[in-house]
Amino acid sequence: MANVQVILKEKIKGLGSEADVVAVKRGFARNFLLPKGIAYEATKGNLRHVENLKAIRTEREGKELVEAEKTASKLRKLKLKLTLATGQGGKAFGSITTIDIAKAVAESVAKVELDRHQILLDRPIKNTGSFEVPVKVHADVECTLKITVVSATDPGAAEEASSEE
């Protein structure tokens, strides 16, 4: 099957951003990209308009970077307290995962929506204590999130955690 070159008008995940000239399958271009107005053919006349799209792209990327910096500053100030169910010997029942951290951040005072893939946790947290978890907010912006994990069976720690949420 033959490939065809198209110029993207907007950002498409996994394919490219505005003003990128990409090679795609002919059917994908003919049946999806061109009819939806997401891209147009890479002809000599259309290649002249790439500079305009590059300006739009630069403006969008600048706004995304400023927004990511604001989000990162909110996350740096945030201190989360999560509870972990433990047994008699301190053995953990379950763990704290990226999904749990993302939910806790969304429900916190900061009200920041994070995708679980942005949280760079090597492996789930299975013990109590303080942790610093790296978060990749943007391709160029990374920050650390301070998390304290307390035992749910410890009555004093569980009350403190519930009062802070």
N, C-alpha and C. Protein backbone atom coordinates (compact mmCIF):
# COMPACT_ATOMS: atom_id res chain seq x y z
N MET A 1 0.84 -1.18 0.00
CA MET A 1 0.00 0.00 0.00
C MET A 1 0.89 1.24 0.00
N ALA A 2 0.52 2.24 -0.73
CA ALA A 2 1.33 3.44 -0.90
C ALA A 2 1.12 4.43 0.22
N ASN A 3 2.17 5.19 0.51
CA ASN A 3 2.09 6.26 1.48
C ASN A 3 1.94 7.59 0.76
N VAL A 4 1.35 8.54 1.46
CA VAL A 4 1.17 9.87 0.92
C VAL A 4 1.57 10.87 2.00
N GLN A 5 2.09 12.02 1.58
CA GLN A 5 2.48 13.04 2.55
C GLN A 5 1.35 14.05 2.74
N VAL A 6 1.11 14.38 4.03
CA VAL A 6 0.09 15.37 4.37
C VAL A 6 0.69 16.37 5.36
N ILE A 7 0.09 17.55 5.42
CA ILE A 7 0.47 18.59 6.38
C ILE A 7 -0.63 18.63 7.44
N LEU A 8 -0.25 18.45 8.70
CA LEU A 8 -1.22 18.44 9.79
C LEU A 8 -1.65 19.86 10.16
N LYS A 9 -2.95 20.04 10.43
CA LYS A 9 -3.48 21.34 10.84
C LYS A 9 -3.58 21.46 12.35
N GLU A 10 -3.61 20.32 13.05
CA GLU A 10 -3.70 20.33 14.51
C GLU A 10 -2.90 19.17 15.07
N LYS A 11 -2.73 19.16 16.37
CA LYS A 11 -1.94 18.12 17.03
C LYS A 11 -2.73 16.82 17.07
N ILE A 12 -2.09 15.74 16.65
CA ILE A 12 -2.69 14.42 16.69
C ILE A 12 -1.73 13.52 17.47
N LYS A 13 -2.22 12.95 18.55
CA LYS A 13 -1.37 12.11 19.40
C LYS A 13 -0.87 10.91 18.61
N GLY A 14 0.43 10.70 18.68
CA GLY A 14 1.05 9.58 18.00
C GLY A 14 1.40 9.84 16.55
N LEU A 15 1.03 11.00 16.02
CA LEU A 15 1.31 11.30 14.63
C LEU A 15 2.17 12.55 14.48
N GLY A 16 1.76 13.65 15.13
CA GLY A 16 2.54 14.88 15.04
C GLY A 16 1.73 16.09 15.45
N SER A 17 2.33 17.27 15.28
CA SER A 17 1.70 18.53 15.64
C SER A 17 1.44 19.35 14.38
N GLU A 18 0.84 20.53 14.60
CA GLU A 18 0.57 21.39 13.45
C GLU A 18 1.85 21.69 12.71
N ALA A 19 1.73 21.84 11.41
CA ALA A 19 2.81 22.19 10.49
C ALA A 19 3.77 21.04 10.24
N ASP A 20 3.54 19.87 10.80
CA ASP A 20 4.39 18.73 10.51
C ASP A 20 3.96 18.10 9.19
N VAL A 21 4.93 17.77 8.38
CA VAL A 21 4.67 17.04 7.14
C VAL A 21 4.97 15.58 7.44
N VAL A 22 3.92 14.76 7.43
CA VAL A 22 4.07 13.35 7.80
C VAL A 22 3.61 12.45 6.66
N ALA A 23 4.19 11.26 6.60
CA ALA A 23 3.80 10.26 5.61
C ALA A 23 2.83 9.29 6.28
N VAL A 24 1.66 9.14 5.70
CA VAL A 24 0.65 8.23 6.23
C VAL A 24 0.14 7.36 5.10
N LYS A 25 -0.57 6.30 5.45
CA LYS A 25 -1.16 5.43 4.44
C LYS A 25 -2.19 6.23 3.64
N ARG A 26 -2.29 5.93 2.39
CA ARG A 26 -3.19 6.66 1.49
C ARG A 26 -4.64 6.60 1.97
N GLY A 27 -5.09 5.45 2.43
CA GLY A 27 -6.47 5.30 2.90
C GLY A 27 -6.75 6.10 4.15
N PHE A 28 -5.77 6.17 5.08
CA PHE A 28 -5.94 6.95 6.30
C PHE A 28 -6.09 8.43 5.96
N ALA A 29 -5.30 8.90 5.01
CA ALA A 29 -5.40 10.29 4.60
C ALA A 29 -6.72 10.55 3.88
N ARG A 30 -7.08 9.69 2.94
CA ARG A 30 -8.27 9.89 2.11
C ARG A 30 -9.56 9.73 2.91
N ASN A 31 -9.60 8.78 3.83
CA ASN A 31 -10.85 8.48 4.53
C ASN A 31 -11.01 9.15 5.89
N PHE A 32 -9.91 9.62 6.49
CA PHE A 32 -10.03 10.19 7.83
C PHE A 32 -9.47 11.62 7.92
N LEU A 33 -8.20 11.79 7.63
CA LEU A 33 -7.54 13.09 7.85
C LEU A 33 -8.10 14.20 6.96
N LEU A 34 -8.20 13.94 5.67
CA LEU A 34 -8.67 14.98 4.74
C LEU A 34 -10.15 15.33 4.91
N PRO A 35 -11.07 14.37 5.01
CA PRO A 35 -12.48 14.73 5.18
C PRO A 35 -12.78 15.46 6.49
N LYS A 36 -12.06 15.13 7.56
CA LYS A 36 -12.30 15.80 8.84
C LYS A 36 -11.64 17.17 8.91
N GLY A 37 -10.82 17.51 7.95
CA GLY A 37 -10.16 18.81 7.94
C GLY A 37 -8.99 18.89 8.90
N ILE A 38 -8.47 17.75 9.30
CA ILE A 38 -7.35 17.70 10.24
C ILE A 38 -6.03 17.93 9.51
N ALA A 39 -5.99 17.60 8.23
CA ALA A 39 -4.77 17.72 7.44
C ALA A 39 -5.13 18.06 6.01
N TYR A 40 -4.12 18.49 5.26
CA TYR A 40 -4.32 18.67 3.83
C TYR A 40 -3.08 18.17 3.10
N GLU A 41 -3.26 17.93 1.81
CA GLU A 41 -2.19 17.33 1.02
C GLU A 41 -0.96 18.23 0.99
N ALA A 42 0.21 17.59 0.93
CA ALA A 42 1.48 18.32 0.91
C ALA A 42 1.87 18.64 -0.53
N THR A 43 1.15 19.61 -1.13
CA THR A 43 1.50 20.06 -2.48
C THR A 43 2.40 21.29 -2.35
N LYS A 44 2.98 21.73 -3.47
CA LYS A 44 3.87 22.90 -3.43
C LYS A 44 3.14 24.14 -2.93
N GLY A 45 1.91 24.32 -3.36
CA GLY A 45 1.13 25.48 -2.93
C GLY A 45 0.81 25.43 -1.44
N ASN A 46 0.47 24.25 -0.95
CA ASN A 46 0.14 24.11 0.47
C ASN A 46 1.36 24.22 1.37
N LEU A 47 2.53 23.84 0.87
CA LEU A 47 3.74 23.93 1.67
C LEU A 47 4.11 25.39 1.97
N ARG A 48 3.61 26.33 1.18
CA ARG A 48 3.85 27.76 1.45
C ARG A 48 3.15 28.22 2.72
N HIS A 49 2.05 27.55 3.09
CA HIS A 49 1.27 27.96 4.26
C HIS A 49 1.78 27.35 5.57
N VAL A 50 2.83 26.59 5.50
CA VAL A 50 3.37 25.93 6.68
C VAL A 50 3.87 26.94 7.71
N GLU A 51 4.40 28.06 7.26
CA GLU A 51 4.91 29.07 8.20
C GLU A 51 3.80 29.60 9.11
N ASN A 52 2.62 29.79 8.57
CA ASN A 52 1.48 30.25 9.37
C ASN A 52 1.12 29.20 10.43
N LEU A 53 1.13 27.94 10.05
CA LEU A 53 0.83 26.88 11.01
C LEU A 53 1.92 26.76 12.08
N LYS A 54 3.17 27.02 11.70
CA LYS A 54 4.25 26.98 12.69
C LYS A 54 4.08 28.08 13.73
N ALA A 55 3.58 29.23 13.33
CA ALA A 55 3.34 30.32 14.28
C ALA A 55 2.24 29.93 15.27
N ILE A 56 1.18 29.30 14.76
CA ILE A 56 0.09 28.84 15.62
C ILE A 56 0.61 27.79 16.60
N ARG A 57 1.46 26.90 16.10
CA ARG A 57 2.03 25.84 16.94
C ARG A 57 2.89 26.42 18.05
N THR A 58 3.72 27.40 17.73
CA THR A 58 4.58 28.03 18.72
C THR A 58 3.76 28.69 19.82
N GLU A 59 2.67 29.36 19.43
CA GLU A 59 1.80 30.01 20.40
C GLU A 59 1.15 28.97 21.31
N ARG A 60 0.65 27.88 20.75
CA ARG A 60 0.01 26.83 21.55
C ARG A 60 1.00 26.19 22.51
N GLU A 61 2.21 25.90 22.03
CA GLU A 61 3.20 25.27 22.89
C GLU A 61 3.63 26.19 24.02
N GLY A 62 3.69 27.50 23.75
CA GLY A 62 4.01 28.47 24.80
C GLY A 62 2.95 28.49 25.89
N LYS A 63 1.67 28.46 25.48
CA LYS A 63 0.58 28.44 26.46
C LYS A 63 0.61 27.15 27.28
N GLU A 64 0.88 26.02 26.63
CA GLU A 64 0.95 24.74 27.34
C GLU A 64 2.08 24.74 28.36
N LEU A 65 3.21 25.36 28.01
CA LEU A 65 4.36 25.41 28.92
C LEU A 65 4.05 26.27 30.14
N VAL A 66 3.41 27.43 29.93
CA VAL A 66 3.03 28.30 31.05
C VAL A 66 2.04 27.59 31.97
N GLU A 67 1.07 26.90 31.38
CA GLU A 67 0.08 26.16 32.17
C GLU A 67 0.75 25.03 32.95
N ALA A 68 1.72 24.36 32.34
CA ALA A 68 2.43 23.28 33.02
C ALA A 68 3.25 23.82 34.19
N GLU A 69 3.85 24.98 34.04
CA GLU A 69 4.61 25.61 35.14
C GLU A 69 3.69 25.93 36.31
N LYS A 70 2.49 26.43 36.03
CA LYS A 70 1.52 26.73 37.09
C LYS A 70 1.12 25.45 37.82
N THR A 71 0.85 24.41 37.06
CA THR A 71 0.46 23.13 37.65
C THR A 71 1.60 22.57 38.49
N ALA A 72 2.82 22.66 38.01
CA ALA A 72 3.98 22.15 38.75
C ALA A 72 4.16 22.90 40.06
N SER A 73 3.95 24.21 40.06
CA SER A 73 4.10 24.97 41.30
C SER A 73 3.04 24.57 42.32
N LYS A 74 1.81 24.29 41.85
CA LYS A 74 0.76 23.81 42.75
C LYS A 74 1.13 22.46 43.35
N LEU A 75 1.68 21.57 42.52
CA LEU A 75 2.04 20.23 42.99
C LEU A 75 3.21 20.25 43.96
N ARG A 76 4.16 21.18 43.76
CA ARG A 76 5.30 21.27 44.68
C ARG A 76 4.84 21.67 46.08
N LYS A 77 3.82 22.51 46.18
CA LYS A 77 3.31 22.98 47.47
C LYS A 77 2.43 21.94 48.16
N LEU A 78 1.90 21.00 47.40
CA LEU A 78 0.93 20.03 47.90
C LEU A 78 1.61 18.93 48.71
N LYS A 79 1.01 18.60 49.85
CA LYS A 79 1.48 17.49 50.68
C LYS A 79 0.30 16.56 50.90
N LEU A 80 0.36 15.37 50.31
CA LEU A 80 -0.73 14.41 50.40
C LEU A 80 -0.49 13.42 51.53
N LYS A 81 -1.58 13.00 52.15
CA LYS A 81 -1.52 11.96 53.17
C LYS A 81 -2.48 10.87 52.75
N LEU A 82 -1.95 9.69 52.47
CA LEU A 82 -2.75 8.56 52.02
C LEU A 82 -2.69 7.45 53.07
N THR A 83 -3.77 6.67 53.16
CA THR A 83 -3.80 5.57 54.13
C THR A 83 -3.64 4.25 53.41
N LEU A 84 -2.96 3.33 54.09
CA LEU A 84 -2.69 2.01 53.55
C LEU A 84 -3.18 0.98 54.56
N ALA A 85 -4.00 0.05 54.12
CA ALA A 85 -4.50 -0.99 55.00
C ALA A 85 -3.36 -1.94 55.35
N THR A 86 -3.11 -2.13 56.66
CA THR A 86 -2.04 -3.01 57.10
C THR A 86 -2.58 -3.99 58.14
N GLY A 87 -1.89 -5.12 58.28
CA GLY A 87 -2.29 -6.13 59.24
C GLY A 87 -1.54 -5.97 60.56
N GLN A 88 -1.58 -7.00 61.39
CA GLN A 88 -0.98 -6.92 62.72
C GLN A 88 0.53 -6.72 62.67
N GLY A 89 1.20 -7.42 61.84
CA GLY A 89 2.66 -7.33 61.79
C GLY A 89 3.15 -6.17 60.93
N GLY A 90 2.27 -5.29 60.53
CA GLY A 90 2.65 -4.18 59.66
C GLY A 90 2.67 -4.57 58.19
N LYS A 91 2.18 -5.78 57.89
CA LYS A 91 2.14 -6.23 56.50
C LYS A 91 1.02 -5.51 55.75
N ALA A 92 1.35 -5.00 54.59
CA ALA A 92 0.39 -4.21 53.81
C ALA A 92 -0.60 -5.11 53.07
N PHE A 93 -1.86 -4.71 53.08
CA PHE A 93 -2.90 -5.33 52.27
C PHE A 93 -3.16 -4.39 51.11
N GLY A 94 -2.59 -4.69 49.97
CA GLY A 94 -2.73 -3.79 48.83
C GLY A 94 -1.55 -2.85 48.73
N SER A 95 -1.71 -1.80 47.96
CA SER A 95 -0.63 -0.83 47.78
C SER A 95 -1.20 0.49 47.28
N ILE A 96 -0.35 1.50 47.29
CA ILE A 96 -0.70 2.82 46.75
C ILE A 96 -0.14 2.86 45.33
N THR A 97 -1.00 3.04 44.35
CA THR A 97 -0.58 3.04 42.95
C THR A 97 -0.71 4.45 42.36
N THR A 98 -0.35 4.58 41.10
CA THR A 98 -0.45 5.88 40.43
C THR A 98 -1.91 6.32 40.33
N ILE A 99 -2.82 5.38 40.22
CA ILE A 99 -4.25 5.72 40.15
C ILE A 99 -4.70 6.34 41.46
N ASP A 100 -4.27 5.76 42.59
CA ASP A 100 -4.62 6.29 43.90
C ASP A 100 -4.06 7.70 44.09
N ILE A 101 -2.83 7.91 43.65
CA ILE A 101 -2.20 9.22 43.79
C ILE A 101 -2.93 10.24 42.92
N ALA A 102 -3.28 9.88 41.69
CA ALA A 102 -3.99 10.79 40.79
C ALA A 102 -5.35 11.18 41.37
N LYS A 103 -6.08 10.23 41.97
CA LYS A 103 -7.37 10.52 42.60
C LYS A 103 -7.19 11.45 43.79
N ALA A 104 -6.15 11.21 44.60
CA ALA A 104 -5.90 12.04 45.77
C ALA A 104 -5.55 13.47 45.37
N VAL A 105 -4.79 13.63 44.30
CA VAL A 105 -4.44 14.97 43.82
C VAL A 105 -5.68 15.69 43.30
N ALA A 106 -6.55 14.97 42.60
CA ALA A 106 -7.77 15.58 42.06
C ALA A 106 -8.72 16.01 43.18
N GLU A 107 -8.76 15.24 44.28
CA GLU A 107 -9.65 15.56 45.40
C GLU A 107 -9.03 16.54 46.39
N SER A 108 -7.76 16.88 46.21
CA SER A 108 -7.07 17.76 47.15
C SER A 108 -7.46 19.22 46.91
N VAL A 109 -6.84 20.09 47.69
CA VAL A 109 -7.10 21.52 47.58
C VAL A 109 -6.65 22.07 46.22
N ALA A 110 -5.60 21.49 45.66
CA ALA A 110 -5.03 21.99 44.40
C ALA A 110 -5.97 21.78 43.22
N LYS A 111 -6.83 20.74 43.26
CA LYS A 111 -7.79 20.44 42.19
C LYS A 111 -7.09 20.32 40.82
N VAL A 112 -6.00 19.59 40.79
CA VAL A 112 -5.24 19.39 39.56
C VAL A 112 -5.58 18.01 39.00
N GLU A 113 -5.94 17.96 37.73
CA GLU A 113 -6.23 16.69 37.07
C GLU A 113 -4.93 16.15 36.45
N LEU A 114 -4.49 15.00 36.96
CA LEU A 114 -3.30 14.35 36.43
C LEU A 114 -3.68 13.03 35.79
N ASP A 115 -3.03 12.70 34.71
CA ASP A 115 -3.17 11.38 34.13
C ASP A 115 -2.22 10.46 34.90
N ARG A 116 -2.62 9.23 35.13
CA ARG A 116 -1.79 8.33 35.92
C ARG A 116 -0.44 8.07 35.27
N HIS A 117 -0.34 8.26 33.97
CA HIS A 117 0.91 8.04 33.26
C HIS A 117 1.90 9.18 33.49
N GLN A 118 1.42 10.31 33.98
CA GLN A 118 2.31 11.43 34.28
C GLN A 118 3.06 11.21 35.59
N ILE A 119 2.54 10.34 36.45
CA ILE A 119 3.16 10.06 37.74
C ILE A 119 4.20 8.97 37.52
N LEU A 120 5.46 9.29 37.79
CA LEU A 120 6.57 8.38 37.50
C LEU A 120 6.94 7.56 38.74
N LEU A 121 6.10 6.62 39.07
CA LEU A 121 6.30 5.76 40.24
C LEU A 121 6.92 4.46 39.75
N ASP A 122 8.10 4.11 40.28
CA ASP A 122 8.80 2.89 39.84
C ASP A 122 7.96 1.65 40.09
N ARG A 123 7.48 1.53 41.31
CA ARG A 123 6.61 0.41 41.69
C ARG A 123 5.63 0.90 42.75
N PRO A 124 4.52 0.22 42.92
CA PRO A 124 3.53 0.64 43.91
C PRO A 124 4.14 0.73 45.32
N ILE A 125 3.63 1.67 46.10
CA ILE A 125 4.11 1.87 47.47
C ILE A 125 3.42 0.85 48.37
N LYS A 126 4.21 0.03 49.07
CA LYS A 126 3.65 -1.03 49.90
C LYS A 126 4.03 -0.90 51.36
N ASN A 127 4.53 0.26 51.77
CA ASN A 127 4.85 0.46 53.17
C ASN A 127 4.58 1.91 53.57
N THR A 128 4.57 2.15 54.88
CA THR A 128 4.26 3.49 55.37
C THR A 128 5.54 4.33 55.39
N GLY A 129 5.34 5.64 55.44
CA GLY A 129 6.47 6.56 55.48
C GLY A 129 6.26 7.74 54.56
N SER A 130 7.31 8.53 54.38
CA SER A 130 7.26 9.69 53.50
C SER A 130 7.96 9.36 52.19
N PHE A 131 7.37 9.81 51.10
CA PHE A 131 7.90 9.54 49.78
C PHE A 131 7.86 10.80 48.93
N GLU A 132 8.82 10.91 48.02
CA GLU A 132 8.81 11.97 47.02
C GLU A 132 8.66 11.29 45.67
N VAL A 133 7.53 11.58 45.03
CA VAL A 133 7.20 10.93 43.77
C VAL A 133 7.38 11.94 42.63
N PRO A 134 8.20 11.62 41.61
CA PRO A 134 8.34 12.53 40.48
C PRO A 134 7.10 12.52 39.59
N VAL A 135 6.74 13.72 39.10
CA VAL A 135 5.59 13.88 38.22
C VAL A 135 6.04 14.65 36.99
N LYS A 136 5.77 14.09 35.81
CA LYS A 136 6.12 14.75 34.55
C LYS A 136 4.87 15.46 34.04
N VAL A 137 4.80 16.76 34.32
CA VAL A 137 3.63 17.55 33.97
C VAL A 137 3.60 17.85 32.47
N HIS A 138 4.78 18.09 31.90
CA HIS A 138 4.93 18.47 30.50
C HIS A 138 6.25 17.86 30.04
N ALA A 139 6.49 17.83 28.76
CA ALA A 139 7.74 17.27 28.25
C ALA A 139 8.96 17.98 28.84
N ASP A 140 8.83 19.28 29.13
CA ASP A 140 9.95 20.07 29.66
C ASP A 140 9.82 20.38 31.14
N VAL A 141 8.71 20.02 31.78
CA VAL A 141 8.47 20.39 33.18
C VAL A 141 8.24 19.13 34.01
N GLU A 142 9.08 18.99 35.05
CA GLU A 142 8.95 17.86 35.96
C GLU A 142 9.06 18.39 37.39
N CYS A 143 8.29 17.82 38.31
CA CYS A 143 8.33 18.24 39.70
C CYS A 143 8.19 17.02 40.60
N THR A 144 8.34 17.22 41.91
CA THR A 144 8.18 16.12 42.85
C THR A 144 6.97 16.40 43.73
N LEU A 145 6.28 15.34 44.06
CA LEU A 145 5.07 15.40 44.89
C LEU A 145 5.39 14.70 46.21
N LYS A 146 5.13 15.39 47.33
CA LYS A 146 5.41 14.82 48.64
C LYS A 146 4.19 14.06 49.14
N ILE A 147 4.40 12.78 49.45
CA ILE A 147 3.32 11.91 49.89
C ILE A 147 3.72 11.26 51.21
N THR A 148 2.79 11.27 52.16
CA THR A 148 2.98 10.57 53.41
C THR A 148 1.96 9.44 53.46
N VAL A 149 2.46 8.22 53.65
CA VAL A 149 1.58 7.05 53.72
C VAL A 149 1.51 6.61 55.18
N VAL A 150 0.29 6.53 55.70
CA VAL A 150 0.07 6.10 57.09
C VAL A 150 -0.74 4.81 57.09
N SER A 151 -0.63 4.10 58.19
CA SER A 151 -1.35 2.83 58.34
C SER A 151 -2.80 3.09 58.72
N ALA A 152 -3.72 2.35 58.12
CA ALA A 152 -5.14 2.50 58.44
C ALA A 152 -5.46 1.89 59.80
N THR A 153 -4.65 0.94 60.28
CA THR A 153 -4.92 0.31 61.57
C THR A 153 -4.41 1.14 62.73
N ASP A 154 -3.51 2.09 62.48
CA ASP A 154 -3.02 2.98 63.52
C ASP A 154 -4.08 4.06 63.75
N PRO A 155 -4.80 4.06 64.88
CA PRO A 155 -5.92 4.97 65.06
C PRO A 155 -5.52 6.44 65.02
N GLY A 156 -4.40 6.81 65.55
CA GLY A 156 -3.99 8.22 65.55
C GLY A 156 -3.68 8.72 64.16
N ALA A 157 -2.98 7.91 63.39
CA ALA A 157 -2.60 8.32 62.04
C ALA A 157 -3.82 8.34 61.12
N ALA A 158 -4.74 7.40 61.30
CA ALA A 158 -5.92 7.36 60.44
C ALA A 158 -6.80 8.57 60.68
N GLU A 159 -6.92 9.02 61.93
CA GLU A 159 -7.73 10.22 62.23
C GLU A 159 -7.10 11.46 61.62
N GLU A 160 -5.75 11.56 61.69
CA GLU A 160 -5.06 12.71 61.11
C GLU A 160 -5.26 12.75 59.60
N ALA A 161 -5.17 11.59 58.95
CA ALA A 161 -5.32 11.52 57.51
C ALA A 161 -6.72 11.90 57.08
N SER A 162 -7.74 11.43 57.83
CA SER A 162 -9.11 11.75 57.45
C SER A 162 -9.45 13.21 57.72
N SER A 163 -8.83 13.81 58.71
CA SER A 163 -9.11 15.23 59.00
C SER A 163 -8.48 16.16 57.98
N GLU A 164 -7.36 15.74 57.36
CA GLU A 164 -6.69 16.59 56.37
C GLU A 164 -7.34 16.49 55.00
N GLU A 165 -8.08 15.44 54.69
CA GLU A 165 -8.69 15.29 53.37
C GLU A 165 -9.91 16.10 53.21
